[in-house]
């Protein structure tokens, strides 16, 4: 498992900037996914080059 902090550090070393991150959550009872603040297990991260601002 790659922690969000590890991915952010590696990306920074590659010259990328973290623009946003969000957690993905699954409710097995309703069989639905949702997005939220918790990035402990499943997450999405958006990076870009500094000159892409």
Foldseek 3Di string as FASTA:
>chain_A
DQAPVNVQVVVVVVQKDWDDKWAWDADPVVRDIDIHHDNGDGMDTDIDHPVVD
